[in-house]
Amino acid sequence: PQDLDRFKELPMRVEFMSEVGKVNTLILKYLDRDDEGMCSWELADV
């Protein structure tokens, strides 16, 4: 996760595993991460 904060001002192409086991992709902007490892994102303005 270390690069997420470093590049948080840039839009990111995020590939993540869904609850049904499918890899989904969204273009997002990173916001923050809590102590439990949950990352918060918003849609990138692209």
ModelCIF file with pLDDT and N, C-alpha, C, O atoms, coordinates in Angstrom:
data_MODEL
#
_entry.id   MODEL 
#
_entity.id                         1 
_entity.type                       polymer 
_entity.pdbx_number_of_molecules   1 
#
_entity_poly.entity_id                      1 
_entity_poly.type                           'polypeptide(L)' 
_entity_poly.nstd_linkage                   no 
_entity_poly.nstd_monomer                   no 
_entity_poly.pdbx_seq_one_letter_code       PQDLDRFKELPMRVEFMSEVGKVNTLILKYLDRDDEGMCSWELADV 
_entity_poly.pdbx_seq_one_letter_code_can   PQDLDRFKELPMRVEFMSEVGKVNTLILKYLDRDDEGMCSWELADV 
_entity_poly.pdbx_strand_id                 A 
#
loop_
_entity_poly_seq.entity_id 
_entity_poly_seq.num 
_entity_poly_seq.mon_id 
_entity_poly_seq.hetero 
1 1  PRO n 
1 2  GLN n 
1 3  ASP n 
1 4  LEU n 
1 5  ASP n 
1 6  ARG n 
1 7  PHE n 
1 8  LYS n 
1 9  GLU n 
1 10 LEU n 
1 11 PRO n 
1 12 MET n 
1 13 ARG n 
1 14 VAL n 
1 15 GLU n 
1 16 PHE n 
1 17 MET n 
1 18 SER n 
1 19 GLU n 
1 20 VAL n 
1 21 GLY n 
1 22 LYS n 
1 23 VAL n 
1 24 ASN n 
1 25 THR n 
1 26 LEU n 
1 27 ILE n 
1 28 LEU n 
1 29 LYS n 
1 30 TYR n 
1 31 LEU n 
1 32 ASP n 
1 33 ARG n 
1 34 ASP n 
1 35 ASP n 
1 36 GLU n 
1 37 GLY n 
1 38 MET n 
1 39 CYS n 
1 40 SER n 
1 41 TRP n 
1 42 GLU n 
1 43 LEU n 
1 44 ALA n 
1 45 ASP n 
1 46 VAL n 
#
_struct_asym.id          A 
_struct_asym.entity_id   1 
#
loop_
_ma_qa_metric.id 
_ma_qa_metric.mode 
_ma_qa_metric.name 
_ma_qa_metric.software_group_id 
_ma_qa_metric.type 
1 global pLDDT . pLDDT 
2 local  pLDDT . pLDDT 
#
_ma_qa_metric_global.metric_id      1 
_ma_qa_metric_global.metric_value   94.35 
_ma_qa_metric_global.model_id       1 
_ma_qa_metric_global.ordinal_id     1 
#
loop_
_ma_qa_metric_local.label_asym_id 
_ma_qa_metric_local.label_comp_id 
_ma_qa_metric_local.label_seq_id 
_ma_qa_metric_local.metric_id 
_ma_qa_metric_local.metric_value 
_ma_qa_metric_local.model_id 
_ma_qa_metric_local.ordinal_id 
A PRO 1  2 93.00 1 1  
A GLN 2  2 92.00 1 2  
A ASP 3  2 96.00 1 3  
A LEU 4  2 96.00 1 4  
A ASP 5  2 96.00 1 5  
A ARG 6  2 96.00 1 6  
A PHE 7  2 96.00 1 7  
A LYS 8  2 95.00 1 8  
A GLU 9  2 95.00 1 9  
A LEU 10 2 96.00 1 10 
A PRO 11 2 97.00 1 11 
A MET 12 2 97.00 1 12 
A ARG 13 2 97.00 1 13 
A VAL 14 2 97.00 1 14 
A GLU 15 2 96.00 1 15 
A PHE 16 2 96.00 1 16 
A MET 17 2 93.00 1 17 
A SER 18 2 86.00 1 18 
A GLU 19 2 83.00 1 19 
A VAL 20 2 86.00 1 20 
A GLY 21 2 86.00 1 21 
A LYS 22 2 92.00 1 22 
A VAL 23 2 94.00 1 23 
A ASN 24 2 94.00 1 24 
A THR 25 2 96.00 1 25 
A LEU 26 2 96.00 1 26 
A ILE 27 2 96.00 1 27 
A LEU 28 2 97.00 1 28 
A LYS 29 2 97.00 1 29 
A TYR 30 2 97.00 1 30 
A LEU 31 2 97.00 1 31 
A ASP 32 2 96.00 1 32 
A ARG 33 2 95.00 1 33 
A ASP 34 2 95.00 1 34 
A ASP 35 2 92.00 1 35 
A GLU 36 2 92.00 1 36 
A GLY 37 2 92.00 1 37 
A MET 38 2 96.00 1 38 
A CYS 39 2 97.00 1 39 
A SER 40 2 97.00 1 40 
A TRP 41 2 97.00 1 41 
A GLU 42 2 96.00 1 42 
A LEU 43 2 95.00 1 43 
A ALA 44 2 95.00 1 44 
A ASP 45 2 92.00 1 45 
A VAL 46 2 92.00 1 46 
#
loop_
_atom_site.group_PDB 
_atom_site.id 
_atom_site.type_symbol 
_atom_site.label_atom_id 
_atom_site.label_alt_id 
_atom_site.label_comp_id 
_atom_site.label_asym_id 
_atom_site.label_entity_id 
_atom_site.label_seq_id 
_atom_site.pdbx_PDB_ins_code 
_atom_site.Cartn_x 
_atom_site.Cartn_y 
_atom_site.Cartn_z 
_atom_site.occupancy 
_atom_site.B_iso_or_equiv 
_atom_site.pdbx_formal_charge 
_atom_site.auth_seq_id 
_atom_site.auth_comp_id 
_atom_site.auth_asym_id 
_atom_site.auth_atom_id 
_atom_site.pdbx_PDB_model_num 
ATOM 1   N N  . PRO A 1 1  ? 0.789   -1.231  0.000   1.00 93.00 ? 1  PRO A N  1 
ATOM 2   C CA . PRO A 1 1  ? 0.000   0.000   0.000   1.00 93.00 ? 1  PRO A CA 1 
ATOM 3   C C  . PRO A 1 1  ? 0.824   1.287   0.000   1.00 93.00 ? 1  PRO A C  1 
ATOM 4   O O  . PRO A 1 1  ? 0.254   2.371   -0.117  1.00 93.00 ? 1  PRO A O  1 
ATOM 5   N N  . GLN A 1 2  ? 2.153   1.198   0.129   1.00 92.00 ? 2  GLN A N  1 
ATOM 6   C CA . GLN A 1 2  ? 2.932   2.400   0.402   1.00 92.00 ? 2  GLN A CA 1 
ATOM 7   C C  . GLN A 1 2  ? 2.875   3.465   -0.689  1.00 92.00 ? 2  GLN A C  1 
ATOM 8   O O  . GLN A 1 2  ? 2.986   4.654   -0.394  1.00 92.00 ? 2  GLN A O  1 
ATOM 9   N N  . ASP A 1 3  ? 2.703   3.056   -1.939  1.00 96.00 ? 3  ASP A N  1 
ATOM 10  C CA . ASP A 1 3  ? 2.660   4.045   -3.017  1.00 96.00 ? 3  ASP A CA 1 
ATOM 11  C C  . ASP A 1 3  ? 1.318   4.760   -3.119  1.00 96.00 ? 3  ASP A C  1 
ATOM 12  O O  . ASP A 1 3  ? 1.216   5.774   -3.810  1.00 96.00 ? 3  ASP A O  1 
ATOM 13  N N  . LEU A 1 4  ? 0.297   4.260   -2.452  1.00 96.00 ? 4  LEU A N  1 
ATOM 14  C CA . LEU A 1 4  ? -1.024  4.874   -2.565  1.00 96.00 ? 4  LEU A CA 1 
ATOM 15  C C  . LEU A 1 4  ? -1.000  6.307   -2.045  1.00 96.00 ? 4  LEU A C  1 
ATOM 16  O O  . LEU A 1 4  ? -1.529  7.206   -2.697  1.00 96.00 ? 4  LEU A O  1 
ATOM 17  N N  . ASP A 1 5  ? -0.397  6.530   -0.888  1.00 96.00 ? 5  ASP A N  1 
ATOM 18  C CA . ASP A 1 5  ? -0.308  7.887   -0.352  1.00 96.00 ? 5  ASP A CA 1 
ATOM 19  C C  . ASP A 1 5  ? 0.616   8.760   -1.194  1.00 96.00 ? 5  ASP A C  1 
ATOM 20  O O  . ASP A 1 5  ? 0.349   9.943   -1.406  1.00 96.00 ? 5  ASP A O  1 
ATOM 21  N N  . ARG A 1 6  ? 1.684   8.175   -1.661  1.00 96.00 ? 6  ARG A N  1 
ATOM 22  C CA . ARG A 1 6  ? 2.653   8.945   -2.438  1.00 96.00 ? 6  ARG A CA 1 
ATOM 23  C C  . ARG A 1 6  ? 2.032   9.527   -3.707  1.00 96.00 ? 6  ARG A C  1 
ATOM 24  O O  . ARG A 1 6  ? 2.325   10.665  -4.074  1.00 96.00 ? 6  ARG A O  1 
ATOM 25  N N  . PHE A 1 7  ? 1.176   8.754   -4.377  1.00 96.00 ? 7  PHE A N  1 
ATOM 26  C CA . PHE A 1 7  ? 0.609   9.192   -5.655  1.00 96.00 ? 7  PHE A CA 1 
ATOM 27  C C  . PHE A 1 7  ? -0.882  9.509   -5.550  1.00 96.00 ? 7  PHE A C  1 
ATOM 28  O O  . PHE A 1 7  ? -1.604  9.421   -6.543  1.00 96.00 ? 7  PHE A O  1 
ATOM 29  N N  . LYS A 1 8  ? -1.346  9.874   -4.366  1.00 95.00 ? 8  LYS A N  1 
ATOM 30  C CA . LYS A 1 8  ? -2.779  10.042  -4.148  1.00 95.00 ? 8  LYS A CA 1 
ATOM 31  C C  . LYS A 1 8  ? -3.384  11.204  -4.930  1.00 95.00 ? 8  LYS A C  1 
ATOM 32  O O  . LYS A 1 8  ? -4.604  11.262  -5.082  1.00 95.00 ? 8  LYS A O  1 
ATOM 33  N N  . GLU A 1 9  ? -2.567  12.128  -5.429  1.00 95.00 ? 9  GLU A N  1 
ATOM 34  C CA . GLU A 1 9  ? -3.094  13.238  -6.221  1.00 95.00 ? 9  GLU A CA 1 
ATOM 35  C C  . GLU A 1 9  ? -3.348  12.851  -7.676  1.00 95.00 ? 9  GLU A C  1 
ATOM 36  O O  . GLU A 1 9  ? -3.900  13.644  -8.438  1.00 95.00 ? 9  GLU A O  1 
ATOM 37  N N  . LEU A 1 10 ? -2.952  11.649  -8.064  1.00 96.00 ? 10 LEU A N  1 
ATOM 38  C CA . LEU A 1 10 ? -3.097  11.206  -9.444  1.00 96.00 ? 10 LEU A CA 1 
ATOM 39  C C  . LEU A 1 10 ? -4.201  10.162  -9.566  1.00 96.00 ? 10 LEU A C  1 
ATOM 40  O O  . LEU A 1 10 ? -4.400  9.375   -8.641  1.00 96.00 ? 10 LEU A O  1 
ATOM 41  N N  . PRO A 1 11 ? -4.927  10.137  -10.690 1.00 97.00 ? 11 PRO A N  1 
ATOM 42  C CA . PRO A 1 11 ? -5.929  9.081   -10.888 1.00 97.00 ? 11 PRO A CA 1 
ATOM 43  C C  . PRO A 1 11 ? -5.240  7.728   -11.021 1.00 97.00 ? 11 PRO A C  1 
ATOM 44  O O  . PRO A 1 11 ? -4.115  7.635   -11.512 1.00 97.00 ? 11 PRO A O  1 
ATOM 45  N N  . MET A 1 12 ? -5.933  6.680   -10.574 1.00 97.00 ? 12 MET A N  1 
ATOM 46  C CA . MET A 1 12 ? -5.351  5.342   -10.582 1.00 97.00 ? 12 MET A CA 1 
ATOM 47  C C  . MET A 1 12 ? -6.313  4.344   -11.217 1.00 97.00 ? 12 MET A C  1 
ATOM 48  O O  . MET A 1 12 ? -7.530  4.419   -11.050 1.00 97.00 ? 12 MET A O  1 
ATOM 49  N N  . ARG A 1 13 ? -5.727  3.425   -11.938 1.00 97.00 ? 13 ARG A N  1 
ATOM 50  C CA . ARG A 1 13 ? -6.487  2.299   -12.491 1.00 97.00 ? 13 ARG A CA 1 
ATOM 51  C C  . ARG A 1 13 ? -6.410  1.173   -11.463 1.00 97.00 ? 13 ARG A C  1 
ATOM 52  O O  . ARG A 1 13 ? -5.348  0.586   -11.255 1.00 97.00 ? 13 ARG A O  1 
ATOM 53  N N  . VAL A 1 14 ? -7.520  0.881   -10.834 1.00 97.00 ? 14 VAL A N  1 
ATOM 54  C CA . VAL A 1 14 ? -7.548  -0.014  -9.684  1.00 97.00 ? 14 VAL A CA 1 
ATOM 55  C C  . VAL A 1 14 ? -8.204  -1.338  -10.063 1.00 97.00 ? 14 VAL A C  1 
ATOM 56  O O  . VAL A 1 14 ? -9.367  -1.369  -10.464 1.00 97.00 ? 14 VAL A O  1 
ATOM 57  N N  . GLU A 1 15 ? -7.459  -2.419  -9.935  1.00 96.00 ? 15 GLU A N  1 
ATOM 58  C CA . GLU A 1 15 ? -7.990  -3.755  -10.165 1.00 96.00 ? 15 GLU A CA 1 
ATOM 59  C C  . GLU A 1 15 ? -8.154  -4.426  -8.803  1.00 96.00 ? 15 GLU A C  1 
ATOM 60  O O  . GLU A 1 15 ? -7.197  -4.534  -8.037  1.00 96.00 ? 15 GLU A O  1 
ATOM 61  N N  . PHE A 1 16 ? -9.357  -4.868  -8.513  1.00 96.00 ? 16 PHE A N  1 
ATOM 62  C CA . PHE A 1 16 ? -9.626  -5.438  -7.199  1.00 96.00 ? 16 PHE A CA 1 
ATOM 63  C C  . PHE A 1 16 ? -10.571 -6.623  -7.310  1.00 96.00 ? 16 PHE A C  1 
ATOM 64  O O  . PHE A 1 16 ? -11.343 -6.741  -8.261  1.00 96.00 ? 16 PHE A O  1 
ATOM 65  N N  . MET A 1 17 ? -10.493 -7.490  -6.323  1.00 93.00 ? 17 MET A N  1 
ATOM 66  C CA . MET A 1 17 ? -11.316 -8.689  -6.298  1.00 93.00 ? 17 MET A CA 1 
ATOM 67  C C  . MET A 1 17 ? -12.680 -8.371  -5.683  1.00 93.00 ? 17 MET A C  1 
ATOM 68  O O  . MET A 1 17 ? -12.763 -7.822  -4.585  1.00 93.00 ? 17 MET A O  1 
ATOM 69  N N  . SER A 1 18 ? -13.734 -8.719  -6.398  1.00 86.00 ? 18 SER A N  1 
ATOM 70  C CA . SER A 1 18 ? -15.081 -8.485  -5.889  1.00 86.00 ? 18 SER A CA 1 
ATOM 71  C C  . SER A 1 18 ? -15.497 -9.600  -4.942  1.00 86.00 ? 18 SER A C  1 
ATOM 72  O O  . SER A 1 18 ? -14.778 -10.583 -4.765  1.00 86.00 ? 18 SER A O  1 
ATOM 73  N N  . GLU A 1 19 ? -16.664 -9.435  -4.339  1.00 83.00 ? 19 GLU A N  1 
ATOM 74  C CA . GLU A 1 19 ? -17.142 -10.430 -3.388  1.00 83.00 ? 19 GLU A CA 1 
ATOM 75  C C  . GLU A 1 19 ? -17.444 -11.752 -4.069  1.00 83.00 ? 19 GLU A C  1 
ATOM 76  O O  . GLU A 1 19 ? -17.455 -12.794 -3.413  1.00 83.00 ? 19 GLU A O  1 
ATOM 77  N N  . VAL A 1 20 ? -17.693 -11.730 -5.380  1.00 86.00 ? 20 VAL A N  1 
ATOM 78  C CA . VAL A 1 20 ? -18.023 -12.966 -6.093  1.00 86.00 ? 20 VAL A CA 1 
ATOM 79  C C  . VAL A 1 20 ? -16.797 -13.573 -6.767  1.00 86.00 ? 20 VAL A C  1 
ATOM 80  O O  . VAL A 1 20 ? -16.920 -14.502 -7.565  1.00 86.00 ? 20 VAL A O  1 
ATOM 81  N N  . GLY A 1 21 ? -15.608 -13.044 -6.443  1.00 86.00 ? 21 GLY A N  1 
ATOM 82  C CA . GLY A 1 21 ? -14.385 -13.618 -6.965  1.00 86.00 ? 21 GLY A CA 1 
ATOM 83  C C  . GLY A 1 21 ? -13.991 -13.163 -8.350  1.00 86.00 ? 21 GLY A C  1 
ATOM 84  O O  . GLY A 1 21 ? -13.169 -13.807 -9.002  1.00 86.00 ? 21 GLY A O  1 
ATOM 85  N N  . LYS A 1 22 ? -14.563 -12.061 -8.812  1.00 92.00 ? 22 LYS A N  1 
ATOM 86  C CA . LYS A 1 22 ? -14.237 -11.515 -10.123 1.00 92.00 ? 22 LYS A CA 1 
ATOM 87  C C  . LYS A 1 22 ? -13.341 -10.297 -9.956  1.00 92.00 ? 22 LYS A C  1 
ATOM 88  O O  . LYS A 1 22 ? -13.557 -9.483  -9.058  1.00 92.00 ? 22 LYS A O  1 
ATOM 89  N N  . VAL A 1 23 ? -12.334 -10.169 -10.820 1.00 94.00 ? 23 VAL A N  1 
ATOM 90  C CA . VAL A 1 23 ? -11.475 -8.989  -10.785 1.00 94.00 ? 23 VAL A CA 1 
ATOM 91  C C  . VAL A 1 23 ? -12.152 -7.854  -11.540 1.00 94.00 ? 23 VAL A C  1 
ATOM 92  O O  . VAL A 1 23 ? -12.396 -7.962  -12.741 1.00 94.00 ? 23 VAL A O  1 
ATOM 93  N N  . ASN A 1 24 ? -12.451 -6.780  -10.848 1.00 94.00 ? 24 ASN A N  1 
ATOM 94  C CA . ASN A 1 24 ? -13.069 -5.599  -11.448 1.00 94.00 ? 24 ASN A CA 1 
ATOM 95  C C  . ASN A 1 24 ? -12.046 -4.481  -11.551 1.00 94.00 ? 24 ASN A C  1 
ATOM 96  O O  . ASN A 1 24 ? -11.056 -4.462  -10.819 1.00 94.00 ? 24 ASN A O  1 
ATOM 97  N N  . THR A 1 25 ? -12.288 -3.557  -12.455 1.00 96.00 ? 25 THR A N  1 
ATOM 98  C CA . THR A 1 25 ? -11.381 -2.433  -12.656 1.00 96.00 ? 25 THR A CA 1 
ATOM 99  C C  . THR A 1 25 ? -12.156 -1.127  -12.688 1.00 96.00 ? 25 THR A C  1 
ATOM 100 O O  . THR A 1 25 ? -13.149 -0.999  -13.404 1.00 96.00 ? 25 THR A O  1 
ATOM 101 N N  . LEU A 1 26 ? -11.696 -0.161  -11.908 1.00 96.00 ? 26 LEU A N  1 
ATOM 102 C CA . LEU A 1 26 ? -12.278 1.179   -11.892 1.00 96.00 ? 26 LEU A CA 1 
ATOM 103 C C  . LEU A 1 26 ? -11.152 2.212   -11.947 1.00 96.00 ? 26 LEU A C  1 
ATOM 104 O O  . LEU A 1 26 ? -10.025 1.945   -11.528 1.00 96.00 ? 26 LEU A O  1 
ATOM 105 N N  . ILE A 1 27 ? -11.473 3.382   -12.465 1.00 96.00 ? 27 ILE A N  1 
ATOM 106 C CA . ILE A 1 27 ? -10.537 4.497   -12.454 1.00 96.00 ? 27 ILE A CA 1 
ATOM 107 C C  . ILE A 1 27 ? -10.914 5.385   -11.272 1.00 96.00 ? 27 ILE A C  1 
ATOM 108 O O  . ILE A 1 27 ? -11.946 6.055   -11.293 1.00 96.00 ? 27 ILE A O  1 
ATOM 109 N N  . LEU A 1 28 ? -10.067 5.386   -10.237 1.00 97.00 ? 28 LEU A N  1 
ATOM 110 C CA . LEU A 1 28 ? -10.413 6.017   -8.975  1.00 97.00 ? 28 LEU A CA 1 
ATOM 111 C C  . LEU A 1 28 ? -9.329  6.981   -8.507  1.00 97.00 ? 28 LEU A C  1 
ATOM 112 O O  . LEU A 1 28 ? -8.217  7.005   -9.035  1.00 97.00 ? 28 LEU A O  1 
ATOM 113 N N  . LYS A 1 29 ? -9.686  7.766   -7.511  1.00 97.00 ? 29 LYS A N  1 
ATOM 114 C CA . LYS A 1 29 ? -8.737  8.637   -6.825  1.00 97.00 ? 29 LYS A CA 1 
ATOM 115 C C  . LYS A 1 29 ? -8.663  8.175   -5.372  1.00 97.00 ? 29 LYS A C  1 
ATOM 116 O O  . LYS A 1 29 ? -9.685  8.055   -4.695  1.00 97.00 ? 29 LYS A O  1 
ATOM 117 N N  . TYR A 1 30 ? -7.457  7.921   -4.907  1.00 97.00 ? 30 TYR A N  1 
ATOM 118 C CA . TYR A 1 30 ? -7.266  7.411   -3.557  1.00 97.00 ? 30 TYR A CA 1 
ATOM 119 C C  . TYR A 1 30 ? -7.479  8.516   -2.533  1.00 97.00 ? 30 TYR A C  1 
ATOM 120 O O  . TYR A 1 30 ? -7.035  9.648   -2.726  1.00 97.00 ? 30 TYR A O  1 
ATOM 121 N N  . LEU A 1 31 ? -8.169  8.174   -1.429  1.00 97.00 ? 31 LEU A N  1 
ATOM 122 C CA . LEU A 1 31 ? -8.436  9.137   -0.362  1.00 97.00 ? 31 LEU A CA 1 
ATOM 123 C C  . LEU A 1 31 ? -7.625  8.815   0.891   1.00 97.00 ? 31 LEU A C  1 
ATOM 124 O O  . LEU A 1 31 ? -6.801  9.624   1.319   1.00 97.00 ? 31 LEU A O  1 
ATOM 125 N N  . ASP A 1 32 ? -7.849  7.655   1.475   1.00 96.00 ? 32 ASP A N  1 
ATOM 126 C CA . ASP A 1 32 ? -7.106  7.303   2.682   1.00 96.00 ? 32 ASP A CA 1 
ATOM 127 C C  . ASP A 1 32 ? -7.292  5.824   2.994   1.00 96.00 ? 32 ASP A C  1 
ATOM 128 O O  . ASP A 1 32 ? -8.008  5.107   2.296   1.00 96.00 ? 32 ASP A O  1 
ATOM 129 N N  . ARG A 1 33 ? -6.619  5.384   4.073   1.00 95.00 ? 33 ARG A N  1 
ATOM 130 C CA . ARG A 1 33 ? -6.704  3.988   4.512   1.00 95.00 ? 33 ARG A CA 1 
ATOM 131 C C  . ARG A 1 33 ? -6.781  3.973   6.025   1.00 95.00 ? 33 ARG A C  1 
ATOM 132 O O  . ARG A 1 33 ? -6.021  4.673   6.694   1.00 95.00 ? 33 ARG A O  1 
ATOM 133 N N  . ASP A 1 34 ? -7.697  3.179   6.572   1.00 95.00 ? 34 ASP A N  1 
ATOM 134 C CA . ASP A 1 34 ? -7.841  3.145   8.019   1.00 95.00 ? 34 ASP A CA 1 
ATOM 135 C C  . ASP A 1 34 ? -6.924  2.080   8.630   1.00 95.00 ? 34 ASP A C  1 
ATOM 136 O O  . ASP A 1 34 ? -6.208  1.373   7.920   1.00 95.00 ? 34 ASP A O  1 
ATOM 137 N N  . ASP A 1 35 ? -6.963  1.985   9.938   1.00 92.00 ? 35 ASP A N  1 
ATOM 138 C CA . ASP A 1 35 ? -6.082  1.065   10.656  1.00 92.00 ? 35 ASP A CA 1 
ATOM 139 C C  . ASP A 1 35 ? -6.396  -0.397  10.373  1.00 92.00 ? 35 ASP A C  1 
ATOM 140 O O  . ASP A 1 35 ? -5.564  -1.272  10.614  1.00 92.00 ? 35 ASP A O  1 
ATOM 141 N N  . GLU A 1 36 ? -7.586  -0.664  9.866   1.00 92.00 ? 36 GLU A N  1 
ATOM 142 C CA . GLU A 1 36 ? -7.985  -2.033  9.550   1.00 92.00 ? 36 GLU A CA 1 
ATOM 143 C C  . GLU A 1 36 ? -7.625  -2.425  8.120   1.00 92.00 ? 36 GLU A C  1 
ATOM 144 O O  . GLU A 1 36 ? -7.917  -3.540  7.688   1.00 92.00 ? 36 GLU A O  1 
ATOM 145 N N  . GLY A 1 37 ? -6.986  -1.507  7.381   1.00 92.00 ? 37 GLY A N  1 
ATOM 146 C CA . GLY A 1 37 ? -6.594  -1.820  6.010   1.00 92.00 ? 37 GLY A CA 1 
ATOM 147 C C  . GLY A 1 37 ? -7.678  -1.599  4.977   1.00 92.00 ? 37 GLY A C  1 
ATOM 148 O O  . GLY A 1 37 ? -7.588  -2.125  3.867   1.00 92.00 ? 37 GLY A O  1 
ATOM 149 N N  . MET A 1 38 ? -8.704  -0.828  5.320   1.00 96.00 ? 38 MET A N  1 
ATOM 150 C CA . MET A 1 38 ? -9.769  -0.513  4.376   1.00 96.00 ? 38 MET A CA 1 
ATOM 151 C C  . MET A 1 38 ? -9.425  0.787   3.648   1.00 96.00 ? 38 MET A C  1 
ATOM 152 O O  . MET A 1 38 ? -9.245  1.829   4.277   1.00 96.00 ? 38 MET A O  1 
ATOM 153 N N  . CYS A 1 39 ? -9.337  0.717   2.333   1.00 97.00 ? 39 CYS A N  1 
ATOM 154 C CA . CYS A 1 39 ? -8.997  1.896   1.531   1.00 97.00 ? 39 CYS A CA 1 
ATOM 155 C C  . CYS A 1 39 ? -10.262 2.594   1.050   1.00 97.00 ? 39 CYS A C  1 
ATOM 156 O O  . CYS A 1 39 ? -11.218 1.947   0.621   1.00 97.00 ? 39 CYS A O  1 
ATOM 157 N N  . SER A 1 40 ? -10.256 3.908   1.126   1.00 97.00 ? 40 SER A N  1 
ATOM 158 C CA . SER A 1 40 ? -11.383 4.712   0.673   1.00 97.00 ? 40 SER A CA 1 
ATOM 159 C C  . SER A 1 40 ? -11.001 5.419   -0.623  1.00 97.00 ? 40 SER A C  1 
ATOM 160 O O  . SER A 1 40 ? -9.916  5.987   -0.746  1.00 97.00 ? 40 SER A O  1 
ATOM 161 N N  . TRP A 1 41 ? -11.918 5.372   -1.584  1.00 97.00 ? 41 TRP A N  1 
ATOM 162 C CA . TRP A 1 41 ? -11.682 5.939   -2.910  1.00 97.00 ? 41 TRP A CA 1 
ATOM 163 C C  . TRP A 1 41 ? -12.888 6.750   -3.371  1.00 97.00 ? 41 TRP A C  1 
ATOM 164 O O  . TRP A 1 41 ? -13.992 6.607   -2.845  1.00 97.00 ? 41 TRP A O  1 
ATOM 165 N N  . GLU A 1 42 ? -12.652 7.604   -4.364  1.00 96.00 ? 42 GLU A N  1 
ATOM 166 C CA . GLU A 1 42 ? -13.734 8.265   -5.071  1.00 96.00 ? 42 GLU A CA 1 
ATOM 167 C C  . GLU A 1 42 ? -13.468 8.144   -6.562  1.00 96.00 ? 42 GLU A C  1 
ATOM 168 O O  . GLU A 1 42 ? -12.343 7.862   -6.975  1.00 96.00 ? 42 GLU A O  1 
ATOM 169 N N  . LEU A 1 43 ? -14.500 8.356   -7.370  1.00 95.00 ? 43 LEU A N  1 
ATOM 170 C CA . LEU A 1 43 ? -14.305 8.297   -8.813  1.00 95.00 ? 43 LEU A CA 1 
ATOM 171 C C  . LEU A 1 43 ? -13.338 9.386   -9.260  1.00 95.00 ? 43 LEU A C  1 
ATOM 172 O O  . LEU A 1 43 ? -13.455 10.533  -8.830  1.00 95.00 ? 43 LEU A O  1 
ATOM 173 N N  . ALA A 1 44 ? -12.393 9.036   -10.112 1.00 95.00 ? 44 ALA A N  1 
ATOM 174 C CA . ALA A 1 44 ? -11.487 10.030  -10.667 1.00 95.00 ? 44 ALA A CA 1 
ATOM 175 C C  . ALA A 1 44 ? -12.214 10.835  -11.732 1.00 95.00 ? 44 ALA A C  1 
ATOM 176 O O  . ALA A 1 44 ? -13.019 10.296  -12.491 1.00 95.00 ? 44 ALA A O  1 
ATOM 177 N N  . ASP A 1 45 ? -11.927 12.113  -11.780 1.00 92.00 ? 45 ASP A N  1 
ATOM 178 C CA . ASP A 1 45 ? -12.569 12.995  -12.765 1.00 92.00 ? 45 ASP A CA 1 
ATOM 179 C C  . ASP A 1 45 ? -11.834 12.883  -14.096 1.00 92.00 ? 45 ASP A C  1 
ATOM 180 O O  . ASP A 1 45 ? -11.059 13.763  -14.470 1.00 92.00 ? 45 ASP A O  1 
ATOM 181 N N  . VAL A 1 46 ? -12.090 11.786  -14.801 1.00 92.00 ? 46 VAL A N  1 
ATOM 182 C CA . VAL A 1 46 ? -11.438 11.501  -16.073 1.00 92.00 ? 46 VAL A CA 1 
ATOM 183 C C  . VAL A 1 46 ? -12.503 11.133  -17.107 1.00 92.00 ? 46 VAL A C  1 
ATOM 184 O O  . VAL A 1 46 ? -12.174 10.852  -18.260 1.00 92.00 ? 46 VAL A O  1 
#
